Amino acid sequence: MGILNVTPDSFSDGGMYLTRDAVSARVEDMIAAGADIIDVGGESSRPFSQPVSEDEELRRVIPAIEAVRAHCSIPISIDTTKAAVAREAIRAGADIVNDISGLRFDPLMADVIREAGIPVVIMHMKGAPRDMQVDPAYDDVMAEIKSFFRERTGWAATKGIDKDKIILDPGIGFGKTVIHNLTILKNLTMLHSLGYPILVGHSRKAFIGTVSGLEVDERDSVTAAISAMCVMNGVSILRVHNVKMTAQAVRMAEAILSAP
C-alpha cells in the first residue's frame, strides 16, 4: 500500500503532492515500483495534529482520487474517519476505507461501508491524534489491542459489515510508546487468532528514529527491514512511503519463506 498524502502537514511528505501533476507522477512511480494499493489521505494524523473540516478534506482528496482513477485502475484506499468523505471518495473511485478511528469517530461510517460493500481497515488507536501521545499506557498492550479488535469487529458485524471485508491494523505509533511499538512488531503473530488480514503502517515513524538515530528522510532502509520481518510473520498489507525498497525486501522475505 503506497502512501499518497495530499496534506500540507504530514510528518514525512506534507506539501509534496498538492497538484494533479504531482499526484500523477507519484502514483506512476509507486505503481512502477510495485504498489498494489494507493492510500489517499487528506488529513494529517501525526501526533498532536488538529482535525480539518469535512469540506477541506474533500477539497484535498477528491481531485487526487479522480487523478489516480483517470490514470489507472489500481485499487484506491481512502484514509479518513469521516463518513461523508468516505462516501464521496467511493463515488470518485475509492475501493477501500482506511479508518484510523476503528469506526468510532463517525457513527455513520459503518453504514457507508456496508452500503458500498467494500473492505475497511479497522485500526487501533488510544485517544485521538491530538492527544494520543500524551503518556500512553497499557497493562498489556497486545491483550488490549486484541480486546479492542474483538469489540470493534463484533460491532461491525451488528452493522452488517461482512467479516471477509475487514482488515485489522494494530496502529503503530498511534497512542503507543517506542516499547509498545516494538512489542507489537515482535508479537504480530498473536493477532492471527482473530481471523482477519493484518495491515502494518510503520513507515518512517518516530520510533524508528528513536531506535536508530535516523532522521525522517533516512528511515526507508529500516522501514524495509521491518517490512520483511512483517512478511515473515504473516502480515498481509504494508503501508509505506518507499514502495520500491519495500517491494525488494518483500521479495527477499518471500523467497526465504518458500525455500525448502
C-alpha atoms as a PDB file:
ATOM      1  CA  MET A   1       0.000   0.000   0.000  1.00  0.00           C
ATOM      2  CA  GLY A   2       1.719   3.144  -1.254  1.00  0.00           C
ATOM      3  CA  ILE A   3       1.082   6.334   0.702  1.00  0.00           C
ATOM      4  CA  LEU A   4      -0.263   9.413  -1.088  1.00  0.00           C
ATOM      5  CA  ASN A   5      -0.692  12.233   1.418  1.00  0.00           C
ATOM      6  CA  VAL A   6      -2.394  15.266  -0.104  1.00  0.00           C
ATOM      7  CA  THR A   7      -1.847  17.321   3.021  1.00  0.00           C
ATOM      8  CA  PRO A   8       0.326  20.329   3.803  1.00  0.00           C
ATOM      9  CA  ASP A   9       1.430  18.973   7.182  1.00  0.00           C
ATOM     10  CA  SER A  10       2.007  15.201   7.204  1.00  0.00           C
ATOM     11  CA  PHE A  11       5.144  14.303   9.153  1.00  0.00           C
ATOM     12  CA  SER A  12       7.123  12.867   6.222  1.00  0.00           C
ATOM     13  CA  ASP A  13       5.802  14.204   2.913  1.00  0.00           C
ATOM     14  CA  GLY A  14       3.443  17.056   3.742  1.00  0.00           C
ATOM     15  CA  GLY A  15       3.009  19.527   0.891  1.00  0.00           C
ATOM     16  CA  MET A  16       4.719  17.382  -1.742  1.00  0.00           C
ATOM     17  CA  TYR A  17       1.646  16.151  -3.656  1.00  0.00           C
ATOM     18  CA  LEU A  18      -0.806  19.033  -3.834  1.00  0.00           C
ATOM     19  CA  THR A  19      -1.176  19.333  -7.630  1.00  0.00           C
ATOM     20  CA  ARG A  20      -2.666  16.929 -10.166  1.00  0.00           C
ATOM     21  CA  ASP A  21       0.678  16.578 -11.950  1.00  0.00           C
ATOM     22  CA  ALA A  22       2.480  15.794  -8.685  1.00  0.00           C
ATOM     23  CA  VAL A  23      -0.177  13.234  -7.766  1.00  0.00           C
ATOM     24  CA  SER A  24       0.010  11.545 -11.175  1.00  0.00           C
ATOM     25  CA  ALA A  25       3.796  11.390 -11.078  1.00  0.00           C
ATOM     26  CA  ARG A  26       3.807   9.959  -7.547  1.00  0.00           C
ATOM     27  CA  VAL A  27       1.236   7.306  -8.437  1.00  0.00           C
ATOM     28  CA  GLU A  28       3.090   6.346 -11.615  1.00  0.00           C
ATOM     29  CA  ASP A  29       6.304   5.919  -9.618  1.00  0.00           C
ATOM     30  CA  MET A  30       4.619   3.811  -6.939  1.00  0.00           C
ATOM     31  CA  ILE A  31       2.917   1.537  -9.451  1.00  0.00           C
ATOM     32  CA  ALA A  32       6.171   1.030 -11.336  1.00  0.00           C
ATOM     33  CA  ALA A  33       7.836   0.169  -8.021  1.00  0.00           C
ATOM     34  CA  GLY A  34       5.250  -2.499  -7.229  1.00  0.00           C
ATOM     35  CA  ALA A  35       2.391  -0.869  -5.305  1.00  0.00           C
ATOM     36  CA  ASP A  36      -0.811  -2.918  -5.135  1.00  0.00           C
ATOM     37  CA  ILE A  37      -2.952  -0.220  -3.443  1.00  0.00           C
ATOM     38  CA  ILE A  38      -2.732   3.583  -3.275  1.00  0.00           C
ATOM     39  CA  ASP A  39      -3.778   5.054   0.073  1.00  0.00           C
ATOM     40  CA  VAL A  40      -5.016   8.649  -0.281  1.00  0.00           C
ATOM     41  CA  GLY A  41      -5.189  10.814   2.834  1.00  0.00           C
ATOM     42  CA  GLY A  42      -6.254  14.439   3.237  1.00  0.00           C
ATOM     43  CA  GLU A  43      -5.941  14.901   6.998  1.00  0.00           C
ATOM     44  CA  SER A  44      -2.671  14.500   8.855  1.00  0.00           C
ATOM     45  CA  SER A  45      -2.805  12.059  11.766  1.00  0.00           C
ATOM     46  CA  ARG A  46       0.691  12.786  13.060  1.00  0.00           C
ATOM     47  CA  PRO A  47       0.944  13.207  16.849  1.00  0.00           C
ATOM     48  CA  PHE A  48      -0.629  16.461  18.128  1.00  0.00           C
ATOM     49  CA  SER A  49      -2.193  17.271  14.745  1.00  0.00           C
ATOM     50  CA  GLN A  50      -5.573  19.018  14.659  1.00  0.00           C
ATOM     51  CA  PRO A  51      -8.555  17.801  12.610  1.00  0.00           C
ATOM     52  CA  VAL A  52      -9.561  19.556   9.398  1.00  0.00           C
ATOM     53  CA  SER A  53     -13.076  20.327   8.274  1.00  0.00           C
ATOM     54  CA  GLU A  54     -15.066  17.957   6.110  1.00  0.00           C
ATOM     55  CA  ASP A  55     -15.105  20.485   3.262  1.00  0.00           C
ATOM     56  CA  GLU A  56     -11.335  20.945   3.397  1.00  0.00           C
ATOM     57  CA  GLU A  57     -10.668  17.222   3.457  1.00  0.00           C
ATOM     58  CA  LEU A  58     -12.974  16.724   0.457  1.00  0.00           C
ATOM     59  CA  ARG A  59     -11.234  19.556  -1.372  1.00  0.00           C
ATOM     60  CA  ARG A  60      -7.940  17.754  -0.933  1.00  0.00           C
ATOM     61  CA  VAL A  61      -8.810  14.103  -1.558  1.00  0.00           C
ATOM     62  CA  ILE A  62     -11.455  14.063  -4.291  1.00  0.00           C
ATOM     63  CA  PRO A  63      -9.270  15.635  -7.022  1.00  0.00           C
ATOM     64  CA  ALA A  64      -6.448  13.291  -6.019  1.00  0.00           C
ATOM     65  CA  ILE A  65      -8.670  10.207  -6.243  1.00  0.00           C
ATOM     66  CA  GLU A  66     -10.031  11.373  -9.595  1.00  0.00           C
ATOM     67  CA  ALA A  67      -6.470  11.892 -10.832  1.00  0.00           C
ATOM     68  CA  VAL A  68      -5.439   8.400  -9.748  1.00  0.00           C
ATOM     69  CA  ARG A  69      -8.530   6.816 -11.230  1.00  0.00           C
ATOM     70  CA  ALA A  70      -8.083   8.677 -14.519  1.00  0.00           C
ATOM     71  CA  HIS A  71      -4.506   7.427 -14.633  1.00  0.00           C
ATOM     72  CA  CYS A  72      -5.021   3.739 -13.753  1.00  0.00           C
ATOM     73  CA  SER A  73      -7.311   1.081 -12.303  1.00  0.00           C
ATOM     74  CA  ILE A  74      -5.208   0.295  -9.197  1.00  0.00           C
ATOM     75  CA  PRO A  75      -7.274  -0.123  -6.003  1.00  0.00           C
ATOM     76  CA  ILE A  76      -7.545   3.108  -4.032  1.00  0.00           C
ATOM     77  CA  SER A  77      -7.886   3.349  -0.265  1.00  0.00           C
ATOM     78  CA  ILE A  78      -9.349   6.497   1.303  1.00  0.00           C
ATOM     79  CA  ASP A  79      -7.721   7.287   4.644  1.00  0.00           C
ATOM     80  CA  THR A  80     -10.475   9.087   6.557  1.00  0.00           C
ATOM     81  CA  THR A  81     -12.572   8.974   9.719  1.00  0.00           C
ATOM     82  CA  LYS A  82     -15.472  10.946   8.191  1.00  0.00           C
ATOM     83  CA  ALA A  83     -18.445   9.131   6.633  1.00  0.00           C
ATOM     84  CA  ALA A  84     -19.234  11.963   4.211  1.00  0.00           C
ATOM     85  CA  VAL A  85     -15.646  11.997   2.946  1.00  0.00           C
ATOM     86  CA  ALA A  86     -15.671   8.222   2.553  1.00  0.00           C
ATOM     87  CA  ARG A  87     -18.964   8.352   0.645  1.00  0.00           C
ATOM     88  CA  GLU A  88     -17.728  10.961  -1.830  1.00  0.00           C
ATOM     89  CA  ALA A  89     -14.371   9.210  -2.168  1.00  0.00           C
ATOM     90  CA  ILE A  90     -16.132   5.962  -3.080  1.00  0.00           C
ATOM     91  CA  ARG A  91     -18.186   7.818  -5.682  1.00  0.00           C
ATOM     92  CA  ALA A  92     -14.936   9.217  -7.085  1.00  0.00           C
ATOM     93  CA  GLY A  93     -13.388   5.752  -7.354  1.00  0.00           C
ATOM     94  CA  ALA A  94     -12.092   4.624  -3.950  1.00  0.00           C
ATOM     95  CA  ASP A  95     -12.283   0.880  -3.257  1.00  0.00           C
ATOM     96  CA  ILE A  96     -11.324   0.619   0.439  1.00  0.00           C
ATOM     97  CA  VAL A  97     -11.901   2.741   3.552  1.00  0.00           C
ATOM     98  CA  ASN A  98      -8.949   3.065   5.919  1.00  0.00           C
ATOM     99  CA  ASP A  99     -10.366   4.389   9.210  1.00  0.00           C
ATOM    100  CA  ILE A 100      -7.763   5.123  11.882  1.00  0.00           C
ATOM    101  CA  SER A 101     -10.531   5.536  14.451  1.00  0.00           C
ATOM    102  CA  GLY A 102     -11.705   1.947  14.028  1.00  0.00           C
ATOM    103  CA  LEU A 103     -15.218   3.135  13.066  1.00  0.00           C
ATOM    104  CA  ARG A 104     -15.525   5.119  16.321  1.00  0.00           C
ATOM    105  CA  PHE A 105     -15.377   8.802  15.348  1.00  0.00           C
ATOM    106  CA  ASP A 106     -18.319   8.916  12.936  1.00  0.00           C
ATOM    107  CA  PRO A 107     -21.395   6.781  13.708  1.00  0.00           C
ATOM    108  CA  LEU A 108     -22.391   6.817  10.031  1.00  0.00           C
ATOM    109  CA  MET A 109     -19.138   5.325   8.717  1.00  0.00           C
ATOM    110  CA  ALA A 110     -20.269   1.721   9.129  1.00  0.00           C
ATOM    111  CA  ASP A 111     -23.395   2.434   7.078  1.00  0.00           C
ATOM    112  CA  VAL A 112     -21.330   3.893   4.233  1.00  0.00           C
ATOM    113  CA  ILE A 113     -19.080   0.816   4.183  1.00  0.00           C
ATOM    114  CA  ARG A 114     -21.979  -1.643   4.358  1.00  0.00           C
ATOM    115  CA  GLU A 115     -23.881   0.107   1.574  1.00  0.00           C
ATOM    116  CA  ALA A 116     -20.807   0.216  -0.671  1.00  0.00           C
ATOM    117  CA  GLY A 117     -19.875  -3.379   0.103  1.00  0.00           C
ATOM    118  CA  ILE A 118     -16.165  -2.545   0.195  1.00  0.00           C
ATOM    119  CA  PRO A 119     -13.333  -3.533   2.558  1.00  0.00           C
ATOM    120  CA  VAL A 120     -12.496  -1.486   5.637  1.00  0.00           C
ATOM    121  CA  VAL A 121      -9.295  -1.189   7.644  1.00  0.00           C
ATOM    122  CA  ILE A 122     -10.078  -1.009  11.362  1.00  0.00           C
ATOM    123  CA  MET A 123      -7.123   0.485  13.224  1.00  0.00           C
ATOM    124  CA  HIS A 124      -6.370   0.539  16.937  1.00  0.00           C
ATOM    125  CA  MET A 125      -5.666   3.958  18.404  1.00  0.00           C
ATOM    126  CA  LYS A 126      -5.663   5.078  22.013  1.00  0.00           C
ATOM    127  CA  GLY A 127      -7.145   8.581  22.078  1.00  0.00           C
ATOM    128  CA  ALA A 128      -7.053  10.848  19.021  1.00  0.00           C
ATOM    129  CA  PRO A 129      -4.106  12.262  17.047  1.00  0.00           C
ATOM    130  CA  ARG A 130      -4.172  15.497  19.063  1.00  0.00           C
ATOM    131  CA  ASP A 131      -3.634  13.662  22.378  1.00  0.00           C
ATOM    132  CA  MET A 132      -2.677  10.037  21.639  1.00  0.00           C
ATOM    133  CA  GLN A 133       0.998  10.505  22.502  1.00  0.00           C
ATOM    134  CA  VAL A 134       0.341  12.152  25.878  1.00  0.00           C
ATOM    135  CA  ASP A 135       1.646   9.405  28.171  1.00  0.00           C
ATOM    136  CA  PRO A 136       0.025   6.343  26.543  1.00  0.00           C
ATOM    137  CA  ALA A 137      -0.140   3.428  28.979  1.00  0.00           C
ATOM    138  CA  TYR A 138      -1.253  -0.228  28.857  1.00  0.00           C
ATOM    139  CA  ASP A 139      -1.271  -3.083  31.335  1.00  0.00           C
ATOM    140  CA  ASP A 140      -0.748  -5.472  28.399  1.00  0.00           C
ATOM    141  CA  VAL A 141      -0.584  -3.807  25.011  1.00  0.00           C
ATOM    142  CA  MET A 142      -1.239  -6.940  22.938  1.00  0.00           C
ATOM    143  CA  ALA A 143      -4.144  -8.068  25.118  1.00  0.00           C
ATOM    144  CA  GLU A 144      -5.742  -4.627  24.954  1.00  0.00           C
ATOM    145  CA  ILE A 145      -5.371  -4.401  21.175  1.00  0.00           C
ATOM    146  CA  LYS A 146      -6.920  -7.843  20.738  1.00  0.00           C
ATOM    147  CA  SER A 147      -9.789  -6.918  23.057  1.00  0.00           C
ATOM    148  CA  PHE A 148     -10.357  -3.728  21.083  1.00  0.00           C
ATOM    149  CA  PHE A 149     -10.452  -5.646  17.809  1.00  0.00           C
ATOM    150  CA  ARG A 150     -12.905  -8.211  19.191  1.00  0.00           C
ATOM    151  CA  GLU A 151     -15.242  -5.418  20.282  1.00  0.00           C
ATOM    152  CA  ARG A 152     -14.902  -3.443  17.032  1.00  0.00           C
ATOM    153  CA  THR A 153     -15.339  -6.418  14.706  1.00  0.00           C
ATOM    154  CA  GLY A 154     -18.318  -7.586  16.741  1.00  0.00           C
ATOM    155  CA  TRP A 155     -19.858  -4.127  16.488  1.00  0.00           C
ATOM    156  CA  ALA A 156     -19.134  -4.011  12.738  1.00  0.00           C
ATOM    157  CA  ALA A 157     -20.979  -7.321  12.353  1.00  0.00           C
ATOM    158  CA  THR A 158     -24.058  -5.837  14.026  1.00  0.00           C
ATOM    159  CA  LYS A 159     -23.925  -3.066  11.411  1.00  0.00           C
ATOM    160  CA  GLY A 160     -23.961  -5.563   8.577  1.00  0.00           C
ATOM    161  CA  ILE A 161     -20.286  -5.396   7.579  1.00  0.00           C
ATOM    162  CA  ASP A 162     -19.148  -8.797   6.292  1.00  0.00           C
ATOM    163  CA  LYS A 163     -16.268 -10.421   8.147  1.00  0.00           C
ATOM    164  CA  ASP A 164     -14.412 -11.004   4.872  1.00  0.00           C
ATOM    165  CA  LYS A 165     -14.384  -7.224   4.271  1.00  0.00           C
ATOM    166  CA  ILE A 166     -12.437  -6.407   7.454  1.00  0.00           C
ATOM    167  CA  ILE A 167      -8.681  -5.773   7.747  1.00  0.00           C
ATOM    168  CA  LEU A 168      -7.025  -5.050  11.111  1.00  0.00           C
ATOM    169  CA  ASP A 169      -4.229  -2.555  11.790  1.00  0.00           C
ATOM    170  CA  PRO A 170      -2.598  -2.538  15.267  1.00  0.00           C
ATOM    171  CA  GLY A 171      -1.826   1.169  14.871  1.00  0.00           C
ATOM    172  CA  ILE A 172       1.936   1.507  15.171  1.00  0.00           C
ATOM    173  CA  GLY A 173       2.652   4.977  16.584  1.00  0.00           C
ATOM    174  CA  PHE A 174      -0.968   5.745  17.454  1.00  0.00           C
ATOM    175  CA  GLY A 175      -1.098   6.051  21.223  1.00  0.00           C
ATOM    176  CA  LYS A 176       1.991   3.912  21.772  1.00  0.00           C
ATOM    177  CA  THR A 177       5.460   4.404  23.209  1.00  0.00           C
ATOM    178  CA  VAL A 178       8.573   3.087  21.471  1.00  0.00           C
ATOM    179  CA  ILE A 179       8.426  -0.055  23.635  1.00  0.00           C
ATOM    180  CA  HIS A 180       4.752  -0.585  22.791  1.00  0.00           C
ATOM    181  CA  ASN A 181       5.542  -0.376  19.074  1.00  0.00           C
ATOM    182  CA  LEU A 182       8.417  -2.835  19.382  1.00  0.00           C
ATOM    183  CA  THR A 183       6.263  -5.218  21.412  1.00  0.00           C
ATOM    184  CA  ILE A 184       3.542  -5.149  18.756  1.00  0.00           C
ATOM    185  CA  LEU A 185       6.040  -5.865  15.976  1.00  0.00           C
ATOM    186  CA  LYS A 186       7.598  -8.692  17.976  1.00  0.00           C
ATOM    187  CA  ASN A 187       4.203 -10.299  18.632  1.00  0.00           C
ATOM    188  CA  LEU A 188       2.329  -9.793  15.352  1.00  0.00           C
ATOM    189  CA  THR A 189       1.523 -13.495  15.112  1.00  0.00           C
ATOM    190  CA  MET A 190      -0.696 -13.117  18.180  1.00  0.00           C
ATOM    191  CA  LEU A 191      -3.173 -11.185  16.034  1.00  0.00           C
ATOM    192  CA  HIS A 192      -3.741 -14.040  13.587  1.00  0.00           C
ATOM    193  CA  SER A 193      -6.017 -15.842  16.044  1.00  0.00           C
ATOM    194  CA  LEU A 194      -8.584 -13.094  15.396  1.00  0.00           C
ATOM    195  CA  GLY A 195      -9.043 -14.421  11.869  1.00  0.00           C
ATOM    196  CA  TYR A 196      -8.528 -11.265   9.792  1.00  0.00           C
ATOM    197  CA  PRO A 197      -5.800  -9.994   7.429  1.00  0.00           C
ATOM    198  CA  ILE A 198      -3.315  -7.697   9.161  1.00  0.00           C
ATOM    199  CA  LEU A 199      -2.051  -4.342   7.881  1.00  0.00           C
ATOM    200  CA  VAL A 200       1.005  -2.654   9.399  1.00  0.00           C
ATOM    201  CA  GLY A 201       1.818   1.035   8.923  1.00  0.00           C
ATOM    202  CA  HIS A 202       5.299   1.581  10.314  1.00  0.00           C
ATOM    203  CA  SER A 203       6.905   3.600   7.534  1.00  0.00           C
ATOM    204  CA  ARG A 204       9.418   6.258   8.663  1.00  0.00           C
ATOM    205  CA  LYS A 205       7.740   6.606  12.052  1.00  0.00           C
ATOM    206  CA  ALA A 206       9.277   8.244  15.099  1.00  0.00           C
ATOM    207  CA  PHE A 207      10.078   5.013  16.953  1.00  0.00           C
ATOM    208  CA  ILE A 208      12.461   4.119  14.098  1.00  0.00           C
ATOM    209  CA  GLY A 209      14.254   7.412  14.633  1.00  0.00           C
ATOM    210  CA  THR A 210      14.442   6.855  18.374  1.00  0.00           C
ATOM    211  CA  VAL A 211      15.963   3.399  17.997  1.00  0.00           C
ATOM    212  CA  SER A 212      18.225   4.111  15.018  1.00  0.00           C
ATOM    213  CA  GLY A 213      19.023   7.800  15.388  1.00  0.00           C
ATOM    214  CA  LEU A 214      17.954   8.404  11.785  1.00  0.00           C
ATOM    215  CA  GLU A 215      16.076  11.458  10.516  1.00  0.00           C
ATOM    216  CA  VAL A 216      12.705  11.002   8.786  1.00  0.00           C
ATOM    217  CA  ASP A 217      14.147  11.014   5.256  1.00  0.00           C
ATOM    218  CA  GLU A 218      16.779   8.425   6.225  1.00  0.00           C
ATOM    219  CA  ARG A 219      14.443   5.723   7.591  1.00  0.00           C
ATOM    220  CA  ASP A 220      13.468   3.812   4.445  1.00  0.00           C
ATOM    221  CA  SER A 221      16.060   1.063   4.819  1.00  0.00           C
ATOM    222  CA  VAL A 222      14.949   0.329   8.380  1.00  0.00           C
ATOM    223  CA  THR A 223      11.318   0.512   7.247  1.00  0.00           C
ATOM    224  CA  ALA A 224      12.129  -2.111   4.598  1.00  0.00           C
ATOM    225  CA  ALA A 225      13.824  -4.340   7.165  1.00  0.00           C
ATOM    226  CA  ILE A 226      10.743  -4.176   9.385  1.00  0.00           C
ATOM    227  CA  SER A 227       8.577  -4.875   6.328  1.00  0.00           C
ATOM    228  CA  ALA A 228      10.497  -8.075   5.640  1.00  0.00           C
ATOM    229  CA  MET A 229      10.013  -9.150   9.243  1.00  0.00           C
ATOM    230  CA  CYS A 230       6.292  -8.395   8.970  1.00  0.00           C
ATOM    231  CA  VAL A 231       6.008 -10.637   5.910  1.00  0.00           C
ATOM    232  CA  MET A 232       7.818 -13.404   7.765  1.00  0.00           C
ATOM    233  CA  ASN A 233       5.163 -13.032  10.470  1.00  0.00           C
ATOM    234  CA  GLY A 234       2.171 -13.251   8.154  1.00  0.00           C
ATOM    235  CA  VAL A 235       1.276  -9.588   7.621  1.00  0.00           C
ATOM    236  CA  SER A 236      -0.865  -9.118   4.502  1.00  0.00           C
ATOM    237  CA  ILE A 237      -0.538  -5.385   3.763  1.00  0.00           C
ATOM    238  CA  LEU A 238       2.336  -2.961   4.325  1.00  0.00           C
ATOM    239  CA  ARG A 239       1.543   0.773   4.225  1.00  0.00           C
ATOM    240  CA  VAL A 240       4.764   2.524   3.175  1.00  0.00           C
ATOM    241  CA  HIS A 241       6.267   5.620   1.575  1.00  0.00           C
ATOM    242  CA  ASN A 242       9.130   3.963  -0.319  1.00  0.00           C
ATOM    243  CA  VAL A 243       7.377   1.275  -2.337  1.00  0.00           C
ATOM    244  CA  LYS A 244      10.428   0.233  -4.344  1.00  0.00           C
ATOM    245  CA  MET A 245      12.626  -0.548  -1.355  1.00  0.00           C
ATOM    246  CA  THR A 246       9.788  -2.293   0.443  1.00  0.00           C
ATOM    247  CA  ALA A 247       8.932  -4.423  -2.602  1.00  0.00           C
ATOM    248  CA  GLN A 248      12.561  -5.565  -2.762  1.00  0.00           C
ATOM    249  CA  ALA A 249      12.504  -6.521   0.920  1.00  0.00           C
ATOM    250  CA  VAL A 250       9.191  -8.353   0.485  1.00  0.00           C
ATOM    251  CA  ARG A 251      10.532 -10.367  -2.460  1.00  0.00           C
ATOM    252  CA  MET A 252      13.507 -11.410  -0.359  1.00  0.00           C
ATOM    253  CA  ALA A 253      11.318 -12.406   2.565  1.00  0.00           C
ATOM    254  CA  GLU A 254       9.001 -14.402   0.295  1.00  0.00           C
ATOM    255  CA  ALA A 255      11.988 -16.172  -1.276  1.00  0.00           C
ATOM    256  CA  ILE A 256      13.198 -17.196   2.182  1.00  0.00           C
ATOM    257  CA  LEU A 257       9.733 -18.400   3.166  1.00  0.00           C
ATOM    258  CA  SER A 258       9.439 -20.517   0.007  1.00  0.00           C
ATOM    259  CA  ALA A 259      12.853 -22.130   0.410  1.00  0.00           C
ATOM    260  CA  PRO A 260      12.895 -25.855   1.324  1.00  0.00           C
END
